[in-house]
Amino acid sequence: MRQGKVGMTNEDFDQSIEAIRKGEIAPREERIIAAAVFIMRELRNLPDDEEWQPTRPQILEFINSLDKQLRRLLKRVADDVAPERRTLH
């Protein structure tokens, strides 16, 4: 178990999923999208060096099709995704 690291609650996760469906993307939603893309790549057995970026509709279709087990996995992976650093230009 991860010590000193608290993941998002189930309620936070559900709210973020709804926000993604509405196109309202904040840092927490970006983590979930990054996790979804990671899982999608793994399910497709794509090598790390292969260029592939799913479209927004593909990501939404994936999220909407998740069963309970994959949904839990997505939440766990999203909890482990480090927030990306951004610079404003």
PDB file of N, CA and C in Angstrom:
ATOM      1  N   MET A   1       0.837  -1.186   0.000  1.00  0.00           N
ATOM      2  CA  MET A   1       0.000   0.000   0.000  1.00  0.00           C
ATOM      3  C   MET A   1       0.876   1.241   0.000  1.00  0.00           C
ATOM      4  N   ARG A   2       0.418   2.292  -0.641  1.00  0.00           N
ATOM      5  CA  ARG A   2       1.196   3.518  -0.745  1.00  0.00           C
ATOM      6  C   ARG A   2       1.100   4.292   0.555  1.00  0.00           C
ATOM      7  N   GLN A   3       2.242   4.588   1.133  1.00  0.00           N
ATOM      8  CA  GLN A   3       2.243   5.342   2.368  1.00  0.00           C
ATOM      9  C   GLN A   3       2.404   6.821   2.051  1.00  0.00           C
ATOM     10  N   GLY A   4       1.692   7.648   2.828  1.00  0.00           N
ATOM     11  CA  GLY A   4       1.816   9.089   2.664  1.00  0.00           C
ATOM     12  C   GLY A   4       1.163   9.636   1.410  1.00  0.00           C
ATOM     13  N   LYS A   5       0.436   8.818   0.701  1.00  0.00           N
ATOM     14  CA  LYS A   5      -0.200   9.267  -0.533  1.00  0.00           C
ATOM     15  C   LYS A   5      -1.679   8.928  -0.463  1.00  0.00           C
ATOM     16  N   VAL A   6      -2.510   9.932  -0.541  1.00  0.00           N
ATOM     17  CA  VAL A   6      -3.952   9.714  -0.466  1.00  0.00           C
ATOM     18  C   VAL A   6      -4.534   9.921  -1.855  1.00  0.00           C
ATOM     19  N   GLY A   7      -5.237   8.891  -2.333  1.00  0.00           N
ATOM     20  CA  GLY A   7      -5.855   8.989  -3.643  1.00  0.00           C
ATOM     21  C   GLY A   7      -7.190   9.704  -3.557  1.00  0.00           C
ATOM     22  N   MET A   8      -7.766   9.938  -4.703  1.00  0.00           N
ATOM     23  CA  MET A   8      -9.065  10.599  -4.727  1.00  0.00           C
ATOM     24  C   MET A   8     -10.143   9.639  -4.210  1.00  0.00           C
ATOM     25  N   THR A   9     -11.166  10.215  -3.633  1.00  0.00           N
ATOM     26  CA  THR A   9     -12.280   9.408  -3.137  1.00  0.00           C
ATOM     27  C   THR A   9     -13.096   8.900  -4.327  1.00  0.00           C
ATOM     28  N   ASN A  10     -13.946   7.919  -4.078  1.00  0.00           N
ATOM     29  CA  ASN A  10     -14.831   7.423  -5.137  1.00  0.00           C
ATOM     30  C   ASN A  10     -15.729   8.548  -5.643  1.00  0.00           C
ATOM     31  N   GLU A  11     -16.174   9.405  -4.724  1.00  0.00           N
ATOM     32  CA  GLU A  11     -17.021  10.536  -5.119  1.00  0.00           C
ATOM     33  C   GLU A  11     -16.248  11.499  -6.024  1.00  0.00           C
ATOM     34  N   ASP A  12     -14.998  11.807  -5.647  1.00  0.00           N
ATOM     35  CA  ASP A  12     -14.159  12.672  -6.491  1.00  0.00           C
ATOM     36  C   ASP A  12     -13.984  12.058  -7.876  1.00  0.00           C
ATOM     37  N   PHE A  13     -13.723  10.759  -7.898  1.00  0.00           N
ATOM     38  CA  PHE A  13     -13.519  10.063  -9.162  1.00  0.00           C
ATOM     39  C   PHE A  13     -14.778  10.133 -10.026  1.00  0.00           C
ATOM     40  N   ASP A  14     -15.939   9.852  -9.430  1.00  0.00           N
ATOM     41  CA  ASP A  14     -17.204   9.912 -10.169  1.00  0.00           C
ATOM     42  C   ASP A  14     -17.465  11.321 -10.704  1.00  0.00           C
ATOM     43  N   GLN A  15     -17.184  12.332  -9.887  1.00  0.00           N
ATOM     44  CA  GLN A  15     -17.364  13.721 -10.337  1.00  0.00           C
ATOM     45  C   GLN A  15     -16.438  14.038 -11.502  1.00  0.00           C
ATOM     46  N   SER A  16     -15.210  13.529 -11.439  1.00  0.00           N
ATOM     47  CA  SER A  16     -14.252  13.769 -12.519  1.00  0.00           C
ATOM     48  C   SER A  16     -14.684  13.073 -13.808  1.00  0.00           C
ATOM     49  N   ILE A  17     -15.214  11.872 -13.690  1.00  0.00           N
ATOM     50  CA  ILE A  17     -15.710  11.162 -14.870  1.00  0.00           C
ATOM     51  C   ILE A  17     -16.825  11.971 -15.526  1.00  0.00           C
ATOM     52  N   GLU A  18     -17.740  12.487 -14.716  1.00  0.00           N
ATOM     53  CA  GLU A  18     -18.829  13.316 -15.256  1.00  0.00           C
ATOM     54  C   GLU A  18     -18.270  14.584 -15.902  1.00  0.00           C
ATOM     55  N   ALA A  19     -17.280  15.202 -15.282  1.00  0.00           N
ATOM     56  CA  ALA A  19     -16.661  16.407 -15.847  1.00  0.00           C
ATOM     57  C   ALA A  19     -16.015  16.092 -17.199  1.00  0.00           C
ATOM     58  N   ILE A  20     -15.345  14.950 -17.294  1.00  0.00           N
ATOM     59  CA  ILE A  20     -14.729  14.552 -18.568  1.00  0.00           C
ATOM     60  C   ILE A  20     -15.802  14.390 -19.630  1.00  0.00           C
ATOM     61  N   ARG A  21     -16.917  13.767 -19.270  1.00  0.00           N
ATOM     62  CA  ARG A  21     -18.009  13.590 -20.238  1.00  0.00           C
ATOM     63  C   ARG A  21     -18.542  14.931 -20.733  1.00  0.00           C
ATOM     64  N   LYS A  22     -18.517  15.942 -19.863  1.00  0.00           N
ATOM     65  CA  LYS A  22     -19.010  17.281 -20.218  1.00  0.00           C
ATOM     66  C   LYS A  22     -17.932  18.141 -20.877  1.00  0.00           C
ATOM     67  N   GLY A  23     -16.689  17.631 -20.911  1.00  0.00           N
ATOM     68  CA  GLY A  23     -15.601  18.403 -21.513  1.00  0.00           C
ATOM     69  C   GLY A  23     -14.988  19.409 -20.563  1.00  0.00           C
ATOM     70  N   GLU A  24     -15.257  19.266 -19.275  1.00  0.00           N
ATOM     71  CA  GLU A  24     -14.718  20.177 -18.259  1.00  0.00           C
ATOM     72  C   GLU A  24     -13.461  19.533 -17.681  1.00  0.00           C
ATOM     73  N   ILE A  25     -12.310  19.945 -18.197  1.00  0.00           N
ATOM     74  CA  ILE A  25     -11.056  19.279 -17.868  1.00  0.00           C
ATOM     75  C   ILE A  25     -10.193  20.162 -16.967  1.00  0.00           C
ATOM     76  N   ALA A  26      -9.973  19.689 -15.760  1.00  0.00           N
ATOM     77  CA  ALA A  26      -9.090  20.329 -14.786  1.00  0.00           C
ATOM     78  C   ALA A  26      -7.941  19.346 -14.520  1.00  0.00           C
ATOM     79  N   PRO A  27      -6.978  19.695 -13.679  1.00  0.00           N
ATOM     80  CA  PRO A  27      -5.839  18.786 -13.443  1.00  0.00           C
ATOM     81  C   PRO A  27      -6.232  17.369 -13.024  1.00  0.00           C
ATOM     82  N   ARG A  28      -7.225  17.223 -12.165  1.00  0.00           N
ATOM     83  CA  ARG A  28      -7.628  15.877 -11.745  1.00  0.00           C
ATOM     84  C   ARG A  28      -8.163  15.085 -12.936  1.00  0.00           C
ATOM     85  N   GLU A  29      -8.931  15.733 -13.789  1.00  0.00           N
ATOM     86  CA  GLU A  29      -9.479  15.061 -14.973  1.00  0.00           C
ATOM     87  C   GLU A  29      -8.353  14.713 -15.948  1.00  0.00           C
ATOM     88  N   GLU A  30      -7.339  15.564 -16.043  1.00  0.00           N
ATOM     89  CA  GLU A  30      -6.196  15.274 -16.910  1.00  0.00           C
ATOM     90  C   GLU A  30      -5.482  14.012 -16.447  1.00  0.00           C
ATOM     91  N   ARG A  31      -5.386  13.823 -15.128  1.00  0.00           N
ATOM     92  CA  ARG A  31      -4.768  12.604 -14.593  1.00  0.00           C
ATOM     93  C   ARG A  31      -5.572  11.373 -14.987  1.00  0.00           C
ATOM     94  N   ILE A  32      -6.899  11.481 -14.921  1.00  0.00           N
ATOM     95  CA  ILE A  32      -7.752  10.338 -15.292  1.00  0.00           C
ATOM     96  C   ILE A  32      -7.631  10.057 -16.785  1.00  0.00           C
ATOM     97  N   ILE A  33      -7.593  11.092 -17.599  1.00  0.00           N
ATOM     98  CA  ILE A  33      -7.443  10.901 -19.053  1.00  0.00           C
ATOM     99  C   ILE A  33      -6.090  10.260 -19.357  1.00  0.00           C
ATOM    100  N   ALA A  34      -5.026  10.742 -18.698  1.00  0.00           N
ATOM    101  CA  ALA A  34      -3.696  10.149 -18.902  1.00  0.00           C
ATOM    102  C   ALA A  34      -3.708   8.673 -18.508  1.00  0.00           C
ATOM    103  N   ALA A  35      -4.378   8.354 -17.415  1.00  0.00           N
ATOM    104  CA  ALA A  35      -4.479   6.964 -16.969  1.00  0.00           C
ATOM    105  C   ALA A  35      -5.274   6.138 -17.980  1.00  0.00           C
ATOM    106  N   ALA A  36      -6.357   6.701 -18.509  1.00  0.00           N
ATOM    107  CA  ALA A  36      -7.173   5.992 -19.496  1.00  0.00           C
ATOM    108  C   ALA A  36      -6.354   5.698 -20.748  1.00  0.00           C
ATOM    109  N   VAL A  37      -5.583   6.676 -21.209  1.00  0.00           N
ATOM    110  CA  VAL A  37      -4.741   6.478 -22.397  1.00  0.00           C
ATOM    111  C   VAL A  37      -3.703   5.397 -22.119  1.00  0.00           C
ATOM    112  N   PHE A  38      -3.099   5.426 -20.927  1.00  0.00           N
ATOM    113  CA  PHE A  38      -2.125   4.401 -20.553  1.00  0.00           C
ATOM    114  C   PHE A  38      -2.759   3.010 -20.612  1.00  0.00           C
ATOM    115  N   ILE A  39      -3.931   2.858 -20.023  1.00  0.00           N
ATOM    116  CA  ILE A  39      -4.606   1.554 -20.008  1.00  0.00           C
ATOM    117  C   ILE A  39      -5.002   1.138 -21.425  1.00  0.00           C
ATOM    118  N   MET A  40      -5.487   2.089 -22.211  1.00  0.00           N
ATOM    119  CA  MET A  40      -5.856   1.776 -23.595  1.00  0.00           C
ATOM    120  C   MET A  40      -4.641   1.274 -24.368  1.00  0.00           C
ATOM    121  N   ARG A  41      -3.491   1.927 -24.173  1.00  0.00           N
ATOM    122  CA  ARG A  41      -2.259   1.487 -24.837  1.00  0.00           C
ATOM    123  C   ARG A  41      -1.886   0.068 -24.400  1.00  0.00           C
ATOM    124  N   GLU A  42      -1.988  -0.181 -23.096  1.00  0.00           N
ATOM    125  CA  GLU A  42      -1.651  -1.508 -22.570  1.00  0.00           C
ATOM    126  C   GLU A  42      -2.584  -2.575 -23.140  1.00  0.00           C
ATOM    127  N   LEU A  43      -3.868  -2.278 -23.219  1.00  0.00           N
ATOM    128  CA  LEU A  43      -4.829  -3.246 -23.757  1.00  0.00           C
ATOM    129  C   LEU A  43      -4.580  -3.531 -25.235  1.00  0.00           C
ATOM    130  N   ARG A  44      -4.011  -2.547 -25.936  1.00  0.00           N
ATOM    131  CA  ARG A  44      -3.691  -2.722 -27.358  1.00  0.00           C
ATOM    132  C   ARG A  44      -2.293  -3.319 -27.564  1.00  0.00           C
ATOM    133  N   ASN A  45      -1.554  -3.514 -26.475  1.00  0.00           N
ATOM    134  CA  ASN A  45      -0.187  -4.041 -26.539  1.00  0.00           C
ATOM    135  C   ASN A  45       0.714  -3.190 -27.425  1.00  0.00           C
ATOM    136  N   LEU A  46       0.587  -1.874 -27.313  1.00  0.00           N
ATOM    137  CA  LEU A  46       1.414  -0.980 -28.116  1.00  0.00           C
ATOM    138  C   LEU A  46       2.775  -0.781 -27.462  1.00  0.00           C
ATOM    139  N   PRO A  47       3.841  -0.835 -28.237  1.00  0.00           N
ATOM    140  CA  PRO A  47       5.158  -0.542 -27.674  1.00  0.00           C
ATOM    141  C   PRO A  47       5.235   0.927 -27.242  1.00  0.00           C
ATOM    142  N   ASP A  48       6.065   1.193 -26.236  1.00  0.00           N
ATOM    143  CA  ASP A  48       6.183   2.553 -25.708  1.00  0.00           C
ATOM    144  C   ASP A  48       6.591   3.563 -26.768  1.00  0.00           C
ATOM    145  N   ASP A  49       7.389   3.132 -27.734  1.00  0.00           N
ATOM    146  CA  ASP A  49       7.887   4.079 -28.733  1.00  0.00           C
ATOM    147  C   ASP A  49       6.932   4.283 -29.912  1.00  0.00           C
ATOM    148  N   GLU A  50       5.818   3.567 -29.916  1.00  0.00           N
ATOM    149  CA  GLU A  50       4.862   3.735 -31.017  1.00  0.00           C
ATOM    150  C   GLU A  50       3.964   4.935 -30.759  1.00  0.00           C
ATOM    151  N   GLU A  51       3.887   5.824 -31.743  1.00  0.00           N
ATOM    152  CA  GLU A  51       3.049   7.016 -31.655  1.00  0.00           C
ATOM    153  C   GLU A  51       1.593   6.614 -31.796  1.00  0.00           C
ATOM    154  N   TRP A  52       0.805   6.929 -30.787  1.00  0.00           N
ATOM    155  CA  TRP A  52      -0.640   6.694 -30.860  1.00  0.00           C
ATOM    156  C   TRP A  52      -1.304   7.545 -29.795  1.00  0.00           C
ATOM    157  N   GLN A  53      -2.239   8.340 -30.208  1.00  0.00           N
ATOM    158  CA  GLN A  53      -2.991   9.174 -29.277  1.00  0.00           C
ATOM    159  C   GLN A  53      -4.470   9.011 -29.622  1.00  0.00           C
ATOM    160  N   PRO A  54      -5.259   8.460 -28.692  1.00  0.00           N
ATOM    161  CA  PRO A  54      -6.686   8.281 -28.991  1.00  0.00           C
ATOM    162  C   PRO A  54      -7.400   9.629 -29.083  1.00  0.00           C
ATOM    163  N   THR A  55      -8.474   9.615 -29.825  1.00  0.00           N
ATOM    164  CA  THR A  55      -9.286  10.825 -29.954  1.00  0.00           C
ATOM    165  C   THR A  55     -10.168  10.983 -28.720  1.00  0.00           C
ATOM    166  N   ARG A  56     -10.721  12.165 -28.538  1.00  0.00           N
ATOM    167  CA  ARG A  56     -11.641  12.391 -27.418  1.00  0.00           C
ATOM    168  C   ARG A  56     -12.805  11.400 -27.452  1.00  0.00           C
ATOM    169  N   PRO A  57     -13.450  11.176 -28.618  1.00  0.00           N
ATOM    170  CA  PRO A  57     -14.529  10.181 -28.651  1.00  0.00           C
ATOM    171  C   PRO A  57     -14.071   8.779 -28.248  1.00  0.00           C
ATOM    172  N   GLN A  58     -12.854   8.390 -28.638  1.00  0.00           N
ATOM    173  CA  GLN A  58     -12.344   7.073 -28.247  1.00  0.00           C
ATOM    174  C   GLN A  58     -12.142   6.982 -26.734  1.00  0.00           C
ATOM    175  N   ILE A  59     -11.629   8.059 -26.145  1.00  0.00           N
ATOM    176  CA  ILE A  59     -11.432   8.081 -24.689  1.00  0.00           C
ATOM    177  C   ILE A  59     -12.777   8.001 -23.984  1.00  0.00           C
ATOM    178  N   LEU A  60     -13.756   8.774 -24.448  1.00  0.00           N
ATOM    179  CA  LEU A  60     -15.088   8.736 -23.838  1.00  0.00           C
ATOM    180  C   LEU A  60     -15.726   7.363 -23.992  1.00  0.00           C
ATOM    181  N   GLU A  61     -15.579   6.757 -25.161  1.00  0.00           N
ATOM    182  CA  GLU A  61     -16.139   5.417 -25.375  1.00  0.00           C
ATOM    183  C   GLU A  61     -15.495   4.424 -24.413  1.00  0.00           C
ATOM    184  N   PHE A  62     -14.176   4.525 -24.236  1.00  0.00           N
ATOM    185  CA  PHE A  62     -13.474   3.642 -23.312  1.00  0.00           C
ATOM    186  C   PHE A  62     -13.991   3.838 -21.887  1.00  0.00           C
ATOM    187  N   ILE A  63     -14.071   5.080 -21.440  1.00  0.00           N
ATOM    188  CA  ILE A  63     -14.530   5.375 -20.076  1.00  0.00           C
ATOM    189  C   ILE A  63     -15.958   4.889 -19.870  1.00  0.00           C
ATOM    190  N   ASN A  64     -16.808   5.111 -20.855  1.00  0.00           N
ATOM    191  CA  ASN A  64     -18.210   4.697 -20.740  1.00  0.00           C
ATOM    192  C   ASN A  64     -18.390   3.180 -20.745  1.00  0.00           C
ATOM    193  N   SER A  65     -17.414   2.463 -21.280  1.00  0.00           N
ATOM    194  CA  SER A  65     -17.550   1.004 -21.391  1.00  0.00           C
ATOM    195  C   SER A  65     -16.916   0.253 -20.220  1.00  0.00           C
ATOM    196  N   LEU A  66     -16.329   0.959 -19.265  1.00  0.00           N
ATOM    197  CA  LEU A  66     -15.614   0.301 -18.176  1.00  0.00           C
ATOM    198  C   LEU A  66     -16.537  -0.518 -17.282  1.00  0.00           C
ATOM    199  N   ASP A  67     -16.104  -1.739 -17.018  1.00  0.00           N
ATOM    200  CA  ASP A  67     -16.807  -2.526 -16.006  1.00  0.00           C
ATOM    201  C   ASP A  67     -16.228  -2.138 -14.644  1.00  0.00           C
ATOM    202  N   LYS A  68     -16.765  -2.727 -13.592  1.00  0.00           N
ATOM    203  CA  LYS A  68     -16.362  -2.364 -12.233  1.00  0.00           C
ATOM    204  C   LYS A  68     -14.858  -2.558 -12.010  1.00  0.00           C
ATOM    205  N   GLN A  69     -14.326  -3.669 -12.483  1.00  0.00           N
ATOM    206  CA  GLN A  69     -12.913  -3.980 -12.284  1.00  0.00           C
ATOM    207  C   GLN A  69     -12.008  -2.981 -13.009  1.00  0.00           C
ATOM    208  N   LEU A  70     -12.297  -2.691 -14.283  1.00  0.00           N
ATOM    209  CA  LEU A  70     -11.477  -1.733 -15.021  1.00  0.00           C
ATOM    210  C   LEU A  70     -11.638  -0.320 -14.475  1.00  0.00           C
ATOM    211  N   ARG A  71     -12.814   0.001 -13.974  1.00  0.00           N
ATOM    212  CA  ARG A  71     -13.044   1.315 -13.369  1.00  0.00           C
ATOM    213  C   ARG A  71     -12.153   1.487 -12.129  1.00  0.00           C
ATOM    214  N   ARG A  72     -12.068   0.436 -11.294  1.00  0.00           N
ATOM    215  CA  ARG A  72     -11.180   0.485 -10.123  1.00  0.00           C
ATOM    216  C   ARG A  72      -9.728   0.625 -10.551  1.00  0.00           C
ATOM    217  N   LEU A  73      -9.347  -0.098 -11.607  1.00  0.00           N
ATOM    218  CA  LEU A  73      -7.982  -0.002 -12.115  1.00  0.00           C
ATOM    219  C   LEU A  73      -7.696   1.418 -12.606  1.00  0.00           C
ATOM    220  N   LEU A  74      -8.634   1.996 -13.347  1.00  0.00           N
ATOM    221  CA  LEU A  74      -8.456   3.363 -13.838  1.00  0.00           C
ATOM    222  C   LEU A  74      -8.257   4.324 -12.672  1.00  0.00           C
ATOM    223  N   LYS A  75      -9.040   4.188 -11.639  1.00  0.00           N
ATOM    224  CA  LYS A  75      -8.904   5.057 -10.467  1.00  0.00           C
ATOM    225  C   LYS A  75      -7.534   4.895  -9.823  1.00  0.00           C
ATOM    226  N   ARG A  76      -7.090   3.651  -9.663  1.00  0.00           N
ATOM    227  CA  ARG A  76      -5.770   3.401  -9.051  1.00  0.00           C
ATOM    228  C   ARG A  76      -4.648   3.984  -9.901  1.00  0.00           C
ATOM    229  N   VAL A  77      -4.722   3.782 -11.206  1.00  0.00           N
ATOM    230  CA  VAL A  77      -3.681   4.311 -12.091  1.00  0.00           C
ATOM    231  C   VAL A  77      -3.705   5.838 -12.055  1.00  0.00           C
ATOM    232  N   ALA A  78      -4.893   6.434 -12.074  1.00  0.00           N
ATOM    233  CA  ALA A  78      -5.002   7.901 -12.027  1.00  0.00           C
ATOM    234  C   ALA A  78      -4.429   8.453 -10.725  1.00  0.00           C
ATOM    235  N   ASP A  79      -4.609   7.723  -9.624  1.00  0.00           N
ATOM    236  CA  ASP A  79      -4.045   8.157  -8.346  1.00  0.00           C
ATOM    237  C   ASP A  79      -2.521   8.165  -8.389  1.00  0.00           C
ATOM    238  N   ASP A  80      -1.923   7.306  -9.227  1.00  0.00           N
ATOM    239  CA  ASP A  80      -0.469   7.203  -9.308  1.00  0.00           C
ATOM    240  C   ASP A  80       0.153   8.115 -10.358  1.00  0.00           C
ATOM    241  N   VAL A  81      -0.668   8.722 -11.206  1.00  0.00           N
ATOM    242  CA  VAL A  81      -0.141   9.594 -12.260  1.00  0.00           C
ATOM    243  C   VAL A  81       0.318  10.906 -11.627  1.00  0.00           C
ATOM    244  N   ALA A  82       1.559  11.251 -11.878  1.00  0.00           N
ATOM    245  CA  ALA A  82       2.082  12.525 -11.365  1.00  0.00           C
ATOM    246  C   ALA A  82       1.498  13.657 -12.194  1.00  0.00           C
ATOM    247  N   PRO A  83       1.044  14.705 -11.533  1.00  0.00           N
ATOM    248  CA  PRO A  83       0.524  15.851 -12.289  1.00  0.00           C
ATOM    249  C   PRO A  83       1.622  16.436 -13.172  1.00  0.00           C
ATOM    250  N   GLU A  84       1.255  16.799 -14.373  1.00  0.00           N
ATOM    251  CA  GLU A  84       2.231  17.383 -15.295  1.00  0.00           C
ATOM    252  C   GLU A  84       2.500  18.824 -14.916  1.00  0.00           C
ATOM    253  N   ARG A  85       3.753  19.198 -15.068  1.00  0.00           N
ATOM    254  CA  ARG A  85       4.099  20.604 -14.816  1.00  0.00           C
ATOM    255  C   ARG A  85       3.788  21.402 -16.070  1.00  0.00           C
ATOM    256  N   ARG A  86       3.240  22.555 -15.866  1.00  0.00           N
ATOM    257  CA  ARG A  86       2.869  23.405 -16.992  1.00  0.00           C
ATOM    258  C   ARG A  86       3.533  24.762 -16.837  1.00  0.00           C
ATOM    259  N   THR A  87       3.886  25.314 -17.969  1.00  0.00           N
ATOM    260  CA  THR A  87       4.388  26.691 -17.947  1.00  0.00           C
ATOM    261  C   THR A  87       3.449  27.515 -18.793  1.00  0.00           C
ATOM    262  N   LEU A  88       3.205  28.712 -18.359  1.00  0.00           N
ATOM    263  CA  LEU A  88       2.316  29.607 -19.104  1.00  0.00           C
ATOM    264  C   LEU A  88       3.170  30.493 -19.995  1.00  0.00           C
ATOM    265  N   HIS A  89       2.789  30.564 -21.255  1.00  0.00           N
ATOM    266  CA  HIS A  89       3.534  31.392 -22.200  1.00  0.00           C
ATOM    267  C   HIS A  89       2.643  32.481 -22.701  1.00  0.00           C
TER     268      HIS A  89
END
